C-alpha atoms as a PDB file:
ATOM      1  CA  UNK A   1     134.530  77.105  91.387  1.00  0.00           C
ATOM      2  CA  UNK A   2     132.954  76.349  94.732  1.00  0.00           C
ATOM      3  CA  UNK A   3     130.229  73.799  95.079  1.00  0.00           C
ATOM      4  CA  UNK A   4     127.235  74.684  97.176  1.00  0.00           C
ATOM      5  CA  UNK A   5     124.841  72.357  98.871  1.00  0.00           C
ATOM      6  CA  UNK A   6     121.425  72.641  97.182  1.00  0.00           C
ATOM      7  CA  UNK A   7     119.742  72.508 100.589  1.00  0.00           C
ATOM      8  CA  UNK A   8     121.115  75.974 101.359  1.00  0.00           C
ATOM      9  CA  UNK A   9     119.513  77.687  98.384  1.00  0.00           C
ATOM     10  CA  UNK A  10     115.943  78.874  97.974  1.00  0.00           C
ATOM     11  CA  UNK A  11     112.864  77.683  99.763  1.00  0.00           C
ATOM     12  CA  UNK A  12     110.938  79.092 102.669  1.00  0.00           C
ATOM     13  CA  UNK A  13     112.850  80.698 105.494  1.00  0.00           C
ATOM     14  CA  UNK A  14     111.655  80.526 109.053  1.00  0.00           C
ATOM     15  CA  UNK A  15     110.124  83.835 110.143  1.00  0.00           C
ATOM     16  CA  UNK A  16     109.846  85.140 106.566  1.00  0.00           C
ATOM     17  CA  UNK A  17     106.672  86.637 105.132  1.00  0.00           C
ATOM     18  CA  UNK A  18     103.864  88.662 106.584  1.00  0.00           C
ATOM     19  CA  UNK A  19     103.032  88.143 110.209  1.00  0.00           C
ATOM     20  CA  UNK A  20      99.532  86.918 110.991  1.00  0.00           C
ATOM     21  CA  UNK A  21      97.152  89.465 112.449  1.00  0.00           C
ATOM     22  CA  UNK A  22      94.375  88.778 114.897  1.00  0.00           C
ATOM     23  CA  UNK A  23      90.709  88.700 113.987  1.00  0.00           C
ATOM     24  CA  UNK A  24      90.164  92.046 115.767  1.00  0.00           C
ATOM     25  CA  UNK A  25      92.692  93.816 113.516  1.00  0.00           C
ATOM     26  CA  UNK A  26      91.421  92.528 110.188  1.00  0.00           C
ATOM     27  CA  UNK A  27      89.611  95.012 108.014  1.00  0.00           C
ATOM     28  CA  UNK A  28      86.798  94.456 105.550  1.00  0.00           C
ATOM     29  CA  UNK A  29      86.284  96.100 102.197  1.00  0.00           C
ATOM     30  CA  UNK A  30      82.947  97.688 101.377  1.00  0.00           C
ATOM     31  CA  UNK A  31      81.717  99.528  98.307  1.00  0.00           C
ATOM     32  CA  UNK A  32      79.012 102.149  98.425  1.00  0.00           C
ATOM     33  CA  UNK A  33      77.696 105.018  96.371  1.00  0.00           C
ATOM     34  CA  UNK A  34      77.245 108.494  97.832  1.00  0.00           C
ATOM     35  CA  UNK A  35      76.074 111.771  96.370  1.00  0.00           C
ATOM     36  CA  UNK A  36      78.579 114.410  95.233  1.00  0.00           C
ATOM     37  CA  UNK A  37      77.413 116.621  98.120  1.00  0.00           C
ATOM     38  CA  UNK A  38      78.127 113.855 100.645  1.00  0.00           C
ATOM     39  CA  UNK A  39      81.539 113.193  99.055  1.00  0.00           C
ATOM     40  CA  UNK A  40      82.457 116.871  99.286  1.00  0.00           C
ATOM     41  CA  UNK A  41      81.444 116.903 102.940  1.00  0.00           C
ATOM     42  CA  UNK A  42      83.477 113.751 103.615  1.00  0.00           C
ATOM     43  CA  UNK A  43      86.561 115.239 101.952  1.00  0.00           C
ATOM     44  CA  UNK A  44      86.182 118.521 103.852  1.00  0.00           C
ATOM     45  CA  UNK A  45      85.683 116.891 107.254  1.00  0.00           C
ATOM     46  CA  UNK A  46      88.482 114.350 106.811  1.00  0.00           C
ATOM     47  CA  UNK A  47      90.952 117.038 105.690  1.00  0.00           C
ATOM     48  CA  UNK A  48      89.954 119.253 108.647  1.00  0.00           C
ATOM     49  CA  UNK A  49      90.832 116.403 111.027  1.00  0.00           C
ATOM     50  CA  UNK A  50      93.994 115.503 109.109  1.00  0.00           C
ATOM     51  CA  UNK A  51      92.747 111.985 108.394  1.00  0.00           C
ATOM     52  CA  UNK A  52      92.263 109.885 105.308  1.00  0.00           C
ATOM     53  CA  UNK A  53      88.652 109.357 104.284  1.00  0.00           C
ATOM     54  CA  UNK A  54      88.976 105.744 105.402  1.00  0.00           C
ATOM     55  CA  UNK A  55      90.269 106.675 108.871  1.00  0.00           C
ATOM     56  CA  UNK A  56      87.644 109.382 109.251  1.00  0.00           C
ATOM     57  CA  UNK A  57      84.772 106.996 108.429  1.00  0.00           C
ATOM     58  CA  UNK A  58      86.240 104.283 110.661  1.00  0.00           C
ATOM     59  CA  UNK A  59      86.600 106.660 113.627  1.00  0.00           C
ATOM     60  CA  UNK A  60      83.117 108.083 113.055  1.00  0.00           C
ATOM     61  CA  UNK A  61      81.476 104.654 112.941  1.00  0.00           C
ATOM     62  CA  UNK A  62      83.390 103.362 115.980  1.00  0.00           C
ATOM     63  CA  UNK A  63      82.331 106.452 117.971  1.00  0.00           C
ATOM     64  CA  UNK A  64      78.705 105.374 117.460  1.00  0.00           C
ATOM     65  CA  UNK A  65      79.219 102.000 119.169  1.00  0.00           C
END
């Protein structure tokens, strides 16, 4: 049986894990309540553009800036 050096096993590896993202790319979570009519409109408009509801709202809000 071969012996292995314990220093070679386990532990953090350089370059492993998620890469850090800049402050500009970070997203924030919000929670809000909307009426069923507004939700239906959101679903219809986002599907028409081929976007998720999240992407649709993000694009819509950024277009107002």
